[in-house]
Amino acid sequence: MPDDLHRRYQDAHTGHREHASTCTTCTDTSRCPTGQRLYETFTRLQDAYLNRQRQERR
């Protein structure tokens, strides 16, 4: 069974990347409100996934 957290993390990354590629306001250091929301969702899910991976390896 696919890992739901991993799928959500990858989907969030795709959403952030797609937005960043078309948004004329977003840069690597500054984001529009939508870009900021997408980036925060991606980083939150990435952190959760990586933390879980670390816990499982112990």
Protein backbone atom coordinates (compact mmCIF):
# COMPACT_ATOMS: atom_id res chain seq x y z
CA MET A 1 0.00 0.00 0.00
CA PRO A 2 1.41 3.42 -0.93
CA ASP A 3 2.45 5.69 1.91
CA ASP A 4 -0.20 8.44 2.24
CA LEU A 5 2.17 10.88 3.96
CA HIS A 6 4.77 10.43 1.24
CA ARG A 7 2.14 10.93 -1.47
CA ARG A 8 0.84 14.10 0.19
CA TYR A 9 4.40 15.40 0.62
CA GLN A 10 5.17 14.77 -3.05
CA ASP A 11 1.87 16.32 -4.17
CA ALA A 12 2.62 19.42 -2.09
CA HIS A 13 6.07 19.65 -3.68
CA THR A 14 4.54 19.41 -7.14
CA GLY A 15 1.96 22.09 -6.31
CA HIS A 16 4.61 24.43 -4.95
CA ARG A 17 6.94 23.83 -7.91
CA GLU A 18 4.16 24.36 -10.48
CA HIS A 19 3.06 27.58 -8.79
CA ALA A 20 6.63 28.89 -8.55
CA SER A 21 7.25 28.21 -12.23
CA THR A 22 4.32 30.38 -13.32
CA CYS A 23 4.07 33.05 -10.62
CA THR A 24 5.74 36.32 -11.54
CA THR A 25 5.87 37.44 -7.90
CA CYS A 26 7.52 34.45 -6.22
CA THR A 27 11.29 34.18 -5.91
CA ASP A 28 13.53 31.85 -3.90
CA THR A 29 13.40 34.22 -0.93
CA SER A 30 10.04 35.96 -1.32
CA ARG A 31 6.63 34.48 -2.06
CA CYS A 32 3.14 35.72 -2.82
CA PRO A 33 0.45 34.66 -0.30
CA THR A 34 -0.51 31.60 -2.35
CA GLY A 35 3.12 30.65 -2.91
CA GLN A 36 3.84 31.03 0.81
CA ARG A 37 0.91 28.78 1.72
CA LEU A 38 2.02 26.13 -0.77
CA TYR A 39 5.63 26.34 0.44
CA GLU A 40 4.62 26.04 4.09
CA THR A 41 2.42 23.03 3.34
CA PHE A 42 5.26 21.37 1.43
CA THR A 43 7.86 22.00 4.16
CA ARG A 44 5.50 20.87 6.94
CA LEU A 45 4.73 17.61 5.16
CA GLN A 46 8.38 17.09 4.22
CA ASP A 47 9.44 17.55 7.84
CA ALA A 48 6.76 15.14 9.05
CA TYR A 49 7.78 12.52 6.50
CA LEU A 50 11.52 12.81 7.20
CA ASN A 51 10.98 12.76 10.96
CA ARG A 52 8.91 9.62 10.65
CA GLN A 53 11.62 8.03 8.48
CA ARG A 54 14.22 8.83 11.13
CA GLN A 55 12.04 7.32 13.86
CA GLU A 56 11.52 4.11 11.88
CA ARG A 57 15.28 3.67 11.37
CA ARG A 58 16.02 3.66 15.10
